[in-house]
mmCIF file of all heavy atoms, coordinates in Angstrom:
data_MODEL
# 
_entry.id   MODEL 
# 
loop_
_atom_site.group_PDB 
_atom_site.id 
_atom_site.type_symbol 
_atom_site.label_atom_id 
_atom_site.label_alt_id 
_atom_site.label_comp_id 
_atom_site.label_asym_id 
_atom_site.label_entity_id 
_atom_site.label_seq_id 
_atom_site.pdbx_PDB_ins_code 
_atom_site.Cartn_x 
_atom_site.Cartn_y 
_atom_site.Cartn_z 
_atom_site.occupancy 
_atom_site.B_iso_or_equiv 
_atom_site.pdbx_formal_charge 
_atom_site.auth_seq_id 
_atom_site.auth_comp_id 
_atom_site.auth_asym_id 
_atom_site.auth_atom_id 
_atom_site.pdbx_PDB_model_num 
ATOM 1   N N   . PRO A 1 1  ? 0.832  -1.213  0.000   1.00 0.00 ? 1  PRO A N   1 
ATOM 2   C CA  . PRO A 1 1  ? 0.000  0.000   0.000   1.00 0.00 ? 1  PRO A CA  1 
ATOM 3   C C   . PRO A 1 1  ? 0.861  1.256   0.000   1.00 0.00 ? 1  PRO A C   1 
ATOM 4   O O   . PRO A 1 1  ? 1.775  1.409   0.824   1.00 0.00 ? 1  PRO A O   1 
ATOM 5   C CB  . PRO A 1 1  ? -0.795 -0.128  1.300   1.00 0.00 ? 1  PRO A CB  1 
ATOM 6   C CG  . PRO A 1 1  ? -0.856 -1.591  1.566   1.00 0.00 ? 1  PRO A CG  1 
ATOM 7   C CD  . PRO A 1 1  ? 0.445  -2.140  1.085   1.00 0.00 ? 1  PRO A CD  1 
ATOM 8   N N   . GLY A 1 2  ? 0.580  2.140   -0.939  1.00 0.00 ? 2  GLY A N   1 
ATOM 9   C CA  . GLY A 1 2  ? 1.298  3.404   -1.005  1.00 0.00 ? 2  GLY A CA  1 
ATOM 10  C C   . GLY A 1 2  ? 2.705  3.336   -1.570  1.00 0.00 ? 2  GLY A C   1 
ATOM 11  O O   . GLY A 1 2  ? 3.432  4.330   -1.553  1.00 0.00 ? 2  GLY A O   1 
ATOM 12  N N   . LYS A 1 3  ? 3.096  2.170   -2.070  1.00 0.00 ? 3  LYS A N   1 
ATOM 13  C CA  . LYS A 1 3  ? 4.450  2.005   -2.594  1.00 0.00 ? 3  LYS A CA  1 
ATOM 14  C C   . LYS A 1 3  ? 4.411  1.545   -4.049  1.00 0.00 ? 3  LYS A C   1 
ATOM 15  O O   . LYS A 1 3  ? 3.394  1.088   -4.541  1.00 0.00 ? 3  LYS A O   1 
ATOM 16  C CB  . LYS A 1 3  ? 5.226  1.001   -1.746  1.00 0.00 ? 3  LYS A CB  1 
ATOM 17  C CG  . LYS A 1 3  ? 5.475  1.458   -0.325  1.00 0.00 ? 3  LYS A CG  1 
ATOM 18  C CD  . LYS A 1 3  ? 6.409  0.503   0.399   1.00 0.00 ? 3  LYS A CD  1 
ATOM 19  C CE  . LYS A 1 3  ? 6.716  0.999   1.806   1.00 0.00 ? 3  LYS A CE  1 
ATOM 20  N NZ  . LYS A 1 3  ? 7.653  0.086   2.516   1.00 0.00 ? 3  LYS A NZ  1 
ATOM 21  N N   . GLN A 1 4  ? 5.557  1.687   -4.703  1.00 0.00 ? 4  GLN A N   1 
ATOM 22  C CA  . GLN A 1 4  ? 5.659  1.232   -6.084  1.00 0.00 ? 4  GLN A CA  1 
ATOM 23  C C   . GLN A 1 4  ? 5.794  -0.295  -6.138  1.00 0.00 ? 4  GLN A C   1 
ATOM 24  O O   . GLN A 1 4  ? 6.259  -0.931  -5.193  1.00 0.00 ? 4  GLN A O   1 
ATOM 25  C CB  . GLN A 1 4  ? 6.858  1.887   -6.766  1.00 0.00 ? 4  GLN A CB  1 
ATOM 26  C CG  . GLN A 1 4  ? 6.690  3.367   -7.031  1.00 0.00 ? 4  GLN A CG  1 
ATOM 27  C CD  . GLN A 1 4  ? 7.797  3.937   -7.902  1.00 0.00 ? 4  GLN A CD  1 
ATOM 28  O OE1 . GLN A 1 4  ? 8.914  3.434   -7.909  1.00 0.00 ? 4  GLN A OE1 1 
ATOM 29  N NE2 . GLN A 1 4  ? 7.486  4.977   -8.646  1.00 0.00 ? 4  GLN A NE2 1 
ATOM 30  N N   . ARG A 1 5  ? 5.405  -0.834  -7.266  1.00 0.00 ? 5  ARG A N   1 
ATOM 31  C CA  . ARG A 1 5  ? 5.561  -2.265  -7.472  1.00 0.00 ? 5  ARG A CA  1 
ATOM 32  C C   . ARG A 1 5  ? 7.046  -2.601  -7.552  1.00 0.00 ? 5  ARG A C   1 
ATOM 33  O O   . ARG A 1 5  ? 7.820  -1.878  -8.186  1.00 0.00 ? 5  ARG A O   1 
ATOM 34  C CB  . ARG A 1 5  ? 4.834  -2.690  -8.748  1.00 0.00 ? 5  ARG A CB  1 
ATOM 35  C CG  . ARG A 1 5  ? 4.688  -4.186  -8.920  1.00 0.00 ? 5  ARG A CG  1 
ATOM 36  C CD  . ARG A 1 5  ? 3.801  -4.514  -10.114 1.00 0.00 ? 5  ARG A CD  1 
ATOM 37  N NE  . ARG A 1 5  ? 2.430  -4.054  -9.912  1.00 0.00 ? 5  ARG A NE  1 
ATOM 38  C CZ  . ARG A 1 5  ? 1.433  -4.356  -10.729 1.00 0.00 ? 5  ARG A CZ  1 
ATOM 39  N NH1 . ARG A 1 5  ? 1.647  -5.129  -11.793 1.00 0.00 ? 5  ARG A NH1 1 
ATOM 40  N NH2 . ARG A 1 5  ? 0.223  -3.890  -10.496 1.00 0.00 ? 5  ARG A NH2 1 
ATOM 41  N N   . GLU A 1 6  ? 7.446  -3.692  -6.917  1.00 0.00 ? 6  GLU A N   1 
ATOM 42  C CA  . GLU A 1 6  ? 8.849  -4.084  -6.910  1.00 0.00 ? 6  GLU A CA  1 
ATOM 43  C C   . GLU A 1 6  ? 8.989  -5.568  -7.243  1.00 0.00 ? 6  GLU A C   1 
ATOM 44  O O   . GLU A 1 6  ? 8.111  -6.375  -6.927  1.00 0.00 ? 6  GLU A O   1 
ATOM 45  C CB  . GLU A 1 6  ? 9.479  -3.803  -5.539  1.00 0.00 ? 6  GLU A CB  1 
ATOM 46  C CG  . GLU A 1 6  ? 8.853  -4.582  -4.388  1.00 0.00 ? 6  GLU A CG  1 
ATOM 47  C CD  . GLU A 1 6  ? 9.547  -4.333  -3.053  1.00 0.00 ? 6  GLU A CD  1 
ATOM 48  O OE1 . GLU A 1 6  ? 10.539 -3.588  -3.009  1.00 0.00 ? 6  GLU A OE1 1 
ATOM 49  O OE2 . GLU A 1 6  ? 9.088  -4.909  -2.046  1.00 0.00 ? 6  GLU A OE2 1 
ATOM 50  N N   . GLN A 1 7  ? 10.110 -5.884  -7.872  1.00 0.00 ? 7  GLN A N   1 
ATOM 51  C CA  . GLN A 1 7  ? 10.377 -7.272  -8.210  1.00 0.00 ? 7  GLN A CA  1 
ATOM 52  C C   . GLN A 1 7  ? 10.834 -8.015  -6.967  1.00 0.00 ? 7  GLN A C   1 
ATOM 53  O O   . GLN A 1 7  ? 11.708 -7.536  -6.241  1.00 0.00 ? 7  GLN A O   1 
ATOM 54  C CB  . GLN A 1 7  ? 11.431 -7.364  -9.303  1.00 0.00 ? 7  GLN A CB  1 
ATOM 55  C CG  . GLN A 1 7  ? 11.726 -8.785  -9.771  1.00 0.00 ? 7  GLN A CG  1 
ATOM 56  C CD  . GLN A 1 7  ? 12.733 -8.825  -10.898 1.00 0.00 ? 7  GLN A CD  1 
ATOM 57  O OE1 . GLN A 1 7  ? 12.662 -8.048  -11.850 1.00 0.00 ? 7  GLN A OE1 1 
ATOM 58  N NE2 . GLN A 1 7  ? 13.697 -9.726  -10.815 1.00 0.00 ? 7  GLN A NE2 1 
ATOM 59  N N   . VAL A 1 8  ? 10.269 -9.177  -6.746  1.00 0.00 ? 8  VAL A N   1 
ATOM 60  C CA  . VAL A 1 8  ? 10.594 -9.987  -5.583  1.00 0.00 ? 8  VAL A CA  1 
ATOM 61  C C   . VAL A 1 8  ? 11.520 -11.139 -5.957  1.00 0.00 ? 8  VAL A C   1 
ATOM 62  O O   . VAL A 1 8  ? 12.508 -11.401 -5.275  1.00 0.00 ? 8  VAL A O   1 
ATOM 63  C CB  . VAL A 1 8  ? 9.310  -10.538 -4.938  1.00 0.00 ? 8  VAL A CB  1 
ATOM 64  C CG1 . VAL A 1 8  ? 9.642  -11.516 -3.816  1.00 0.00 ? 8  VAL A CG1 1 
ATOM 65  C CG2 . VAL A 1 8  ? 8.429  -9.407  -4.431  1.00 0.00 ? 8  VAL A CG2 1 
ATOM 66  N N   . ALA A 1 9  ? 11.175 -11.821 -7.047  1.00 0.00 ? 9  ALA A N   1 
ATOM 67  C CA  . ALA A 1 9  ? 11.947 -13.000 -7.426  1.00 0.00 ? 9  ALA A CA  1 
ATOM 68  C C   . ALA A 1 9  ? 11.815 -13.242 -8.919  1.00 0.00 ? 9  ALA A C   1 
ATOM 69  O O   . ALA A 1 9  ? 10.825 -12.851 -9.538  1.00 0.00 ? 9  ALA A O   1 
ATOM 70  C CB  . ALA A 1 9  ? 11.471 -14.228 -6.657  1.00 0.00 ? 9  ALA A CB  1 
ATOM 71  N N   . GLN A 1 10 ? 12.836 -13.886 -9.465  1.00 0.00 ? 10 GLN A N   1 
ATOM 72  C CA  . GLN A 1 10 ? 12.868 -14.224 -10.878 1.00 0.00 ? 10 GLN A CA  1 
ATOM 73  C C   . GLN A 1 10 ? 13.353 -15.659 -11.019 1.00 0.00 ? 10 GLN A C   1 
ATOM 74  O O   . GLN A 1 10 ? 14.246 -16.084 -10.283 1.00 0.00 ? 10 GLN A O   1 
ATOM 75  C CB  . GLN A 1 10 ? 13.827 -13.297 -11.623 1.00 0.00 ? 10 GLN A CB  1 
ATOM 76  C CG  . GLN A 1 10 ? 14.046 -13.664 -13.084 1.00 0.00 ? 10 GLN A CG  1 
ATOM 77  C CD  . GLN A 1 10 ? 15.263 -12.968 -13.693 1.00 0.00 ? 10 GLN A CD  1 
ATOM 78  O OE1 . GLN A 1 10 ? 16.208 -12.607 -13.000 1.00 0.00 ? 10 GLN A OE1 1 
ATOM 79  N NE2 . GLN A 1 10 ? 15.226 -12.792 -14.999 1.00 0.00 ? 10 GLN A NE2 1 
ATOM 80  N N   . ILE A 1 11 ? 12.798 -16.364 -12.007 1.00 0.00 ? 11 ILE A N   1 
ATOM 81  C CA  . ILE A 1 11 ? 13.349 -17.657 -12.395 1.00 0.00 ? 11 ILE A CA  1 
ATOM 82  C C   . ILE A 1 11 ? 13.410 -17.691 -13.913 1.00 0.00 ? 11 ILE A C   1 
ATOM 83  O O   . ILE A 1 11 ? 12.416 -17.442 -14.596 1.00 0.00 ? 11 ILE A O   1 
ATOM 84  C CB  . ILE A 1 11 ? 12.539 -18.844 -11.813 1.00 0.00 ? 11 ILE A CB  1 
ATOM 85  C CG1 . ILE A 1 11 ? 13.231 -20.165 -12.147 1.00 0.00 ? 11 ILE A CG1 1 
ATOM 86  C CG2 . ILE A 1 11 ? 11.086 -18.823 -12.257 1.00 0.00 ? 11 ILE A CG2 1 
ATOM 87  C CD1 . ILE A 1 11 ? 12.714 -21.344 -11.309 1.00 0.00 ? 11 ILE A CD1 1 
ATOM 88  N N   . THR A 1 12 ? 14.593 -17.958 -14.431 1.00 0.00 ? 12 THR A N   1 
ATOM 89  C CA  . THR A 1 12 ? 14.782 -17.905 -15.873 1.00 0.00 ? 12 THR A CA  1 
ATOM 90  C C   . THR A 1 12 ? 14.403 -19.242 -16.514 1.00 0.00 ? 12 THR A C   1 
ATOM 91  O O   . THR A 1 12 ? 14.077 -20.222 -15.834 1.00 0.00 ? 12 THR A O   1 
ATOM 92  C CB  . THR A 1 12 ? 16.243 -17.588 -16.200 1.00 0.00 ? 12 THR A CB  1 
ATOM 93  O OG1 . THR A 1 12 ? 17.059 -18.721 -15.850 1.00 0.00 ? 12 THR A OG1 1 
ATOM 94  C CG2 . THR A 1 12 ? 16.722 -16.342 -15.460 1.00 0.00 ? 12 THR A CG2 1 
ATOM 95  N N   . VAL A 1 13 ? 14.510 -19.268 -17.829 1.00 0.00 ? 13 VAL A N   1 
ATOM 96  C CA  . VAL A 1 13 ? 14.199 -20.495 -18.559 1.00 0.00 ? 13 VAL A CA  1 
ATOM 97  C C   . VAL A 1 13 ? 15.205 -21.593 -18.242 1.00 0.00 ? 13 VAL A C   1 
ATOM 98  O O   . VAL A 1 13 ? 14.921 -22.770 -18.442 1.00 0.00 ? 13 VAL A O   1 
ATOM 99  C CB  . VAL A 1 13 ? 14.116 -20.239 -20.075 1.00 0.00 ? 13 VAL A CB  1 
ATOM 100 C CG1 . VAL A 1 13 ? 12.977 -19.285 -20.392 1.00 0.00 ? 13 VAL A CG1 1 
ATOM 101 C CG2 . VAL A 1 13 ? 15.421 -19.689 -20.609 1.00 0.00 ? 13 VAL A CG2 1 
ATOM 102 N N   . THR A 1 14 ? 16.380 -21.196 -17.749 1.00 0.00 ? 14 THR A N   1 
ATOM 103 C CA  . THR A 1 14 ? 17.401 -22.175 -17.371 1.00 0.00 ? 14 THR A CA  1 
ATOM 104 C C   . THR A 1 14 ? 17.375 -22.474 -15.878 1.00 0.00 ? 14 THR A C   1 
ATOM 105 O O   . THR A 1 14 ? 18.314 -23.060 -15.346 1.00 0.00 ? 14 THR A O   1 
ATOM 106 C CB  . THR A 1 14 ? 18.796 -21.667 -17.768 1.00 0.00 ? 14 THR A CB  1 
ATOM 107 O OG1 . THR A 1 14 ? 19.026 -20.401 -17.138 1.00 0.00 ? 14 THR A OG1 1 
ATOM 108 C CG2 . THR A 1 14 ? 18.909 -21.510 -19.276 1.00 0.00 ? 14 THR A CG2 1 
ATOM 109 N N   . MET A 1 15 ? 16.327 -22.024 -15.206 1.00 0.00 ? 15 MET A N   1 
ATOM 110 C CA  . MET A 1 15 ? 16.120 -22.294 -13.772 1.00 0.00 ? 15 MET A CA  1 
ATOM 111 C C   . MET A 1 15 ? 17.036 -21.476 -12.866 1.00 0.00 ? 15 MET A C   1 
ATOM 112 O O   . MET A 1 15 ? 17.128 -21.764 -11.669 1.00 0.00 ? 15 MET A O   1 
ATOM 113 C CB  . MET A 1 15 ? 16.270 -23.784 -13.447 1.00 0.00 ? 15 MET A CB  1 
ATOM 114 C CG  . MET A 1 15 ? 15.298 -24.673 -14.171 1.00 0.00 ? 15 MET A CG  1 
ATOM 115 S SD  . MET A 1 15 ? 13.599 -24.333 -13.680 1.00 0.00 ? 15 MET A SD  1 
ATOM 116 C CE  . MET A 1 15 ? 12.737 -25.670 -14.491 1.00 0.00 ? 15 MET A CE  1 
ATOM 117 N N   . THR A 1 16 ? 17.689 -20.457 -13.401 1.00 0.00 ? 16 THR A N   1 
ATOM 118 C CA  . THR A 1 16 ? 18.466 -19.553 -12.556 1.00 0.00 ? 16 THR A CA  1 
ATOM 119 C C   . THR A 1 16 ? 17.504 -18.662 -11.784 1.00 0.00 ? 16 THR A C   1 
ATOM 120 O O   . THR A 1 16 ? 16.537 -18.156 -12.353 1.00 0.00 ? 16 THR A O   1 
ATOM 121 C CB  . THR A 1 16 ? 19.402 -18.698 -13.398 1.00 0.00 ? 16 THR A CB  1 
ATOM 122 O OG1 . THR A 1 16 ? 20.284 -19.547 -14.136 1.00 0.00 ? 16 THR A OG1 1 
ATOM 123 C CG2 . THR A 1 16 ? 20.216 -17.761 -12.522 1.00 0.00 ? 16 THR A CG2 1 
ATOM 124 N N   . THR A 1 17 ? 17.787 -18.474 -10.501 1.00 0.00 ? 17 THR A N   1 
ATOM 125 C CA  . THR A 1 17 ? 16.898 -17.666 -9.671  1.00 0.00 ? 17 THR A CA  1 
ATOM 126 C C   . THR A 1 17 ? 17.609 -16.420 -9.137  1.00 0.00 ? 17 THR A C   1 
ATOM 127 O O   . THR A 1 17 ? 18.829 -16.412 -8.944  1.00 0.00 ? 17 THR A O   1 
ATOM 128 C CB  . THR A 1 17 ? 16.366 -18.481 -8.483  1.00 0.00 ? 17 THR A CB  1 
ATOM 129 O OG1 . THR A 1 17 ? 17.469 -18.972 -7.700  1.00 0.00 ? 17 THR A OG1 1 
ATOM 130 C CG2 . THR A 1 17 ? 15.526 -19.656 -8.958  1.00 0.00 ? 17 THR A CG2 1 
ATOM 131 N N   . HIS A 1 18 ? 16.827 -15.373 -8.942  1.00 0.00 ? 18 HIS A N   1 
ATOM 132 C CA  . HIS A 1 18 ? 17.320 -14.136 -8.347  1.00 0.00 ? 18 HIS A CA  1 
ATOM 133 C C   . HIS A 1 18 ? 16.262 -13.632 -7.372  1.00 0.00 ? 18 HIS A C   1 
ATOM 134 O O   . HIS A 1 18 ? 15.061 -13.811 -7.616  1.00 0.00 ? 18 HIS A O   1 
ATOM 135 C CB  . HIS A 1 18 ? 17.571 -13.071 -9.420  1.00 0.00 ? 18 HIS A CB  1 
ATOM 136 C CG  . HIS A 1 18 ? 18.561 -13.483 -10.450 1.00 0.00 ? 18 HIS A CG  1 
ATOM 137 N ND1 . HIS A 1 18 ? 19.920 -13.394 -10.267 1.00 0.00 ? 18 HIS A ND1 1 
ATOM 138 C CD2 . HIS A 1 18 ? 18.383 -14.014 -11.693 1.00 0.00 ? 18 HIS A CD2 1 
ATOM 139 C CE1 . HIS A 1 18 ? 20.538 -13.831 -11.346 1.00 0.00 ? 18 HIS A CE1 1 
ATOM 140 N NE2 . HIS A 1 18 ? 19.632 -14.224 -12.223 1.00 0.00 ? 18 HIS A NE2 1 
ATOM 141 N N   . TYR A 1 19 ? 16.728 -12.987 -6.304  1.00 0.00 ? 19 TYR A N   1 
ATOM 142 C CA  . TYR A 1 19 ? 15.811 -12.504 -5.279  1.00 0.00 ? 19 TYR A CA  1 
ATOM 143 C C   . TYR A 1 19 ? 16.152 -11.084 -4.865  1.00 0.00 ? 19 TYR A C   1 
ATOM 144 O O   . TYR A 1 19 ? 17.314 -10.681 -4.860  1.00 0.00 ? 19 TYR A O   1 
ATOM 145 C CB  . TYR A 1 19 ? 15.881 -13.398 -4.040  1.00 0.00 ? 19 TYR A CB  1 
ATOM 146 C CG  . TYR A 1 19 ? 15.471 -14.829 -4.304  1.00 0.00 ? 19 TYR A CG  1 
ATOM 147 C CD1 . TYR A 1 19 ? 16.423 -15.797 -4.614  1.00 0.00 ? 19 TYR A CD1 1 
ATOM 148 C CD2 . TYR A 1 19 ? 14.132 -15.202 -4.263  1.00 0.00 ? 19 TYR A CD2 1 
ATOM 149 C CE1 . TYR A 1 19 ? 16.044 -17.102 -4.878  1.00 0.00 ? 19 TYR A CE1 1 
ATOM 150 C CE2 . TYR A 1 19 ? 13.746 -16.514 -4.518  1.00 0.00 ? 19 TYR A CE2 1 
ATOM 151 C CZ  . TYR A 1 19 ? 14.699 -17.454 -4.830  1.00 0.00 ? 19 TYR A CZ  1 
ATOM 152 O OH  . TYR A 1 19 ? 14.326 -18.741 -5.086  1.00 0.00 ? 19 TYR A OH  1 
ATOM 153 N N   . ALA A 1 20 ? 15.126 -10.360 -4.487  1.00 0.00 ? 20 ALA A N   1 
ATOM 154 C CA  . ALA A 1 20 ? 15.345 -9.075  -3.855  1.00 0.00 ? 20 ALA A CA  1 
ATOM 155 C C   . ALA A 1 20 ? 16.021 -9.305  -2.499  1.00 0.00 ? 20 ALA A C   1 
ATOM 156 O O   . ALA A 1 20 ? 15.766 -10.314 -1.832  1.00 0.00 ? 20 ALA A O   1 
ATOM 157 C CB  . ALA A 1 20 ? 14.018 -8.349  -3.666  1.00 0.00 ? 20 ALA A CB  1 
ATOM 158 N N   . ASP A 1 21 ? 16.866 -8.371  -2.107  1.00 0.00 ? 21 ASP A N   1 
ATOM 159 C CA  . ASP A 1 21 ? 17.599 -8.538  -0.848  1.00 0.00 ? 21 ASP A CA  1 
ATOM 160 C C   . ASP A 1 21 ? 16.657 -8.763  0.333   1.00 0.00 ? 21 ASP A C   1 
ATOM 161 O O   . ASP A 1 21 ? 16.975 -9.519  1.252   1.00 0.00 ? 21 ASP A O   1 
ATOM 162 C CB  . ASP A 1 21 ? 18.459 -7.301  -0.584  1.00 0.00 ? 21 ASP A CB  1 
ATOM 163 C CG  . ASP A 1 21 ? 19.652 -7.224  -1.514  1.00 0.00 ? 21 ASP A CG  1 
ATOM 164 O OD1 . ASP A 1 21 ? 20.021 -8.256  -2.114  1.00 0.00 ? 21 ASP A OD1 1 
ATOM 165 O OD2 . ASP A 1 21 ? 20.224 -6.118  -1.642  1.00 0.00 ? 21 ASP A OD2 1 
ATOM 166 N N   . GLU A 1 22 ? 15.495 -8.115  0.269   1.00 0.00 ? 22 GLU A N   1 
ATOM 167 C CA  . GLU A 1 22 ? 14.568 -8.171  1.406   1.00 0.00 ? 22 GLU A CA  1 
ATOM 168 C C   . GLU A 1 22 ? 13.995 -9.565  1.647   1.00 0.00 ? 22 GLU A C   1 
ATOM 169 O O   . GLU A 1 22 ? 13.499 -9.856  2.741   1.00 0.00 ? 22 GLU A O   1 
ATOM 170 C CB  . GLU A 1 22 ? 13.407 -7.192  1.192   1.00 0.00 ? 22 GLU A CB  1 
ATOM 171 C CG  . GLU A 1 22 ? 13.783 -5.731  1.168   1.00 0.00 ? 22 GLU A CG  1 
ATOM 172 C CD  . GLU A 1 22 ? 14.286 -5.263  -0.192  1.00 0.00 ? 22 GLU A CD  1 
ATOM 173 O OE1 . GLU A 1 22 ? 14.467 -6.107  -1.104  1.00 0.00 ? 22 GLU A OE1 1 
ATOM 174 O OE2 . GLU A 1 22 ? 14.475 -4.038  -0.332  1.00 0.00 ? 22 GLU A OE2 1 
ATOM 175 N N   . VAL A 1 23 ? 14.051 -10.432 0.630   1.00 0.00 ? 23 VAL A N   1 
ATOM 176 C CA  . VAL A 1 23 ? 13.422 -11.751 0.767   1.00 0.00 ? 23 VAL A CA  1 
ATOM 177 C C   . VAL A 1 23 ? 14.417 -12.896 0.673   1.00 0.00 ? 23 VAL A C   1 
ATOM 178 O O   . VAL A 1 23 ? 14.021 -14.063 0.824   1.00 0.00 ? 23 VAL A O   1 
ATOM 179 C CB  . VAL A 1 23 ? 12.290 -11.940 -0.265  1.00 0.00 ? 23 VAL A CB  1 
ATOM 180 C CG1 . VAL A 1 23 ? 11.297 -10.777 -0.193  1.00 0.00 ? 23 VAL A CG1 1 
ATOM 181 C CG2 . VAL A 1 23 ? 12.849 -12.079 -1.676  1.00 0.00 ? 23 VAL A CG2 1 
ATOM 182 N N   . LYS A 1 24 ? 15.672 -12.588 0.423   1.00 0.00 ? 24 LYS A N   1 
ATOM 183 C CA  . LYS A 1 24 ? 16.682 -13.644 0.314   1.00 0.00 ? 24 LYS A CA  1 
ATOM 184 C C   . LYS A 1 24 ? 16.711 -14.497 1.575   1.00 0.00 ? 24 LYS A C   1 
ATOM 185 O O   . LYS A 1 24 ? 16.707 -13.988 2.682   1.00 0.00 ? 24 LYS A O   1 
ATOM 186 C CB  . LYS A 1 24 ? 18.056 -13.039 0.057   1.00 0.00 ? 24 LYS A CB  1 
ATOM 187 C CG  . LYS A 1 24 ? 18.291 -12.636 -1.378  1.00 0.00 ? 24 LYS A CG  1 
ATOM 188 C CD  . LYS A 1 24 ? 19.698 -12.066 -1.558  1.00 0.00 ? 24 LYS A CD  1 
ATOM 189 C CE  . LYS A 1 24 ? 19.930 -11.621 -2.981  1.00 0.00 ? 24 LYS A CE  1 
ATOM 190 N NZ  . LYS A 1 24 ? 21.248 -10.981 -3.161  1.00 0.00 ? 24 LYS A NZ  1 
ATOM 191 N N   . GLY A 1 25 ? 16.738 -15.800 1.370   1.00 0.00 ? 25 GLY A N   1 
ATOM 192 C CA  . GLY A 1 25 ? 16.777 -16.718 2.498   1.00 0.00 ? 25 GLY A CA  1 
ATOM 193 C C   . GLY A 1 25 ? 15.415 -17.051 3.078   1.00 0.00 ? 25 GLY A C   1 
ATOM 194 O O   . GLY A 1 25 ? 15.297 -17.964 3.902   1.00 0.00 ? 25 GLY A O   1 
ATOM 195 N N   . ARG A 1 26 ? 14.388 -16.318 2.654   1.00 0.00 ? 26 ARG A N   1 
ATOM 196 C CA  . ARG A 1 26 ? 13.032 -16.569 3.183   1.00 0.00 ? 26 ARG A CA  1 
ATOM 197 C C   . ARG A 1 26 ? 12.071 -17.027 2.092   1.00 0.00 ? 26 ARG A C   1 
ATOM 198 O O   . ARG A 1 26 ? 11.151 -17.807 2.374   1.00 0.00 ? 26 ARG A O   1 
ATOM 199 C CB  . ARG A 1 26 ? 12.473 -15.295 3.837   1.00 0.00 ? 26 ARG A CB  1 
ATOM 200 C CG  . ARG A 1 26 ? 13.301 -14.787 4.993   1.00 0.00 ? 26 ARG A CG  1 
ATOM 201 C CD  . ARG A 1 26 ? 12.582 -13.641 5.737   1.00 0.00 ? 26 ARG A CD  1 
ATOM 202 N NE  . ARG A 1 26 ? 12.345 -12.475 4.898   1.00 0.00 ? 26 ARG A NE  1 
ATOM 203 C CZ  . ARG A 1 26 ? 11.144 -11.973 4.615   1.00 0.00 ? 26 ARG A CZ  1 
ATOM 204 N NH1 . ARG A 1 26 ? 10.064 -12.551 5.096   1.00 0.00 ? 26 ARG A NH1 1 
ATOM 205 N NH2 . ARG A 1 26 ? 11.029 -10.892 3.858   1.00 0.00 ? 26 ARG A NH2 1 
ATOM 206 N N   . PHE A 1 27 ? 12.254 -16.525 0.887   1.00 0.00 ? 27 PHE A N   1 
ATOM 207 C CA  . PHE A 1 27 ? 11.374 -16.857 -0.237  1.00 0.00 ? 27 PHE A CA  1 
ATOM 208 C C   . PHE A 1 27 ? 12.115 -17.761 -1.221  1.00 0.00 ? 27 PHE A C   1 
ATOM 209 O O   . PHE A 1 27 ? 13.342 -17.648 -1.378  1.00 0.00 ? 27 PHE A O   1 
ATOM 210 C CB  . PHE A 1 27 ? 10.936 -15.598 -0.970  1.00 0.00 ? 27 PHE A CB  1 
ATOM 211 C CG  . PHE A 1 27 ? 9.981  -14.708 -0.224  1.00 0.00 ? 27 PHE A CG  1 
ATOM 212 C CD1 . PHE A 1 27 ? 9.708  -14.900 1.132   1.00 0.00 ? 27 PHE A CD1 1 
ATOM 213 C CD2 . PHE A 1 27 ? 9.340  -13.667 -0.884  1.00 0.00 ? 27 PHE A CD2 1 
ATOM 214 C CE1 . PHE A 1 27 ? 8.835  -14.066 1.807   1.00 0.00 ? 27 PHE A CE1 1 
ATOM 215 C CE2 . PHE A 1 27 ? 8.453  -12.835 -0.221  1.00 0.00 ? 27 PHE A CE2 1 
ATOM 216 C CZ  . PHE A 1 27 ? 8.209  -13.026 1.127   1.00 0.00 ? 27 PHE A CZ  1 
ATOM 217 N N   . ALA A 1 28 ? 11.354 -18.598 -1.894  1.00 0.00 ? 28 ALA A N   1 
ATOM 218 C CA  . ALA A 1 28 ? 11.935 -19.463 -2.919  1.00 0.00 ? 28 ALA A CA  1 
ATOM 219 C C   . ALA A 1 28 ? 10.988 -19.541 -4.106  1.00 0.00 ? 28 ALA A C   1 
ATOM 220 O O   . ALA A 1 28 ? 9.813  -19.889 -3.943  1.00 0.00 ? 28 ALA A O   1 
ATOM 221 C CB  . ALA A 1 28 ? 12.210 -20.845 -2.361  1.00 0.00 ? 28 ALA A CB  1 
# 
């Protein structure tokens, strides 16, 4: 609420994953 949309996580076609710092270690 009241904030811009932000990327949380990505998974590529090769199964490479990336995470926002705020969720690293907690989200998969």
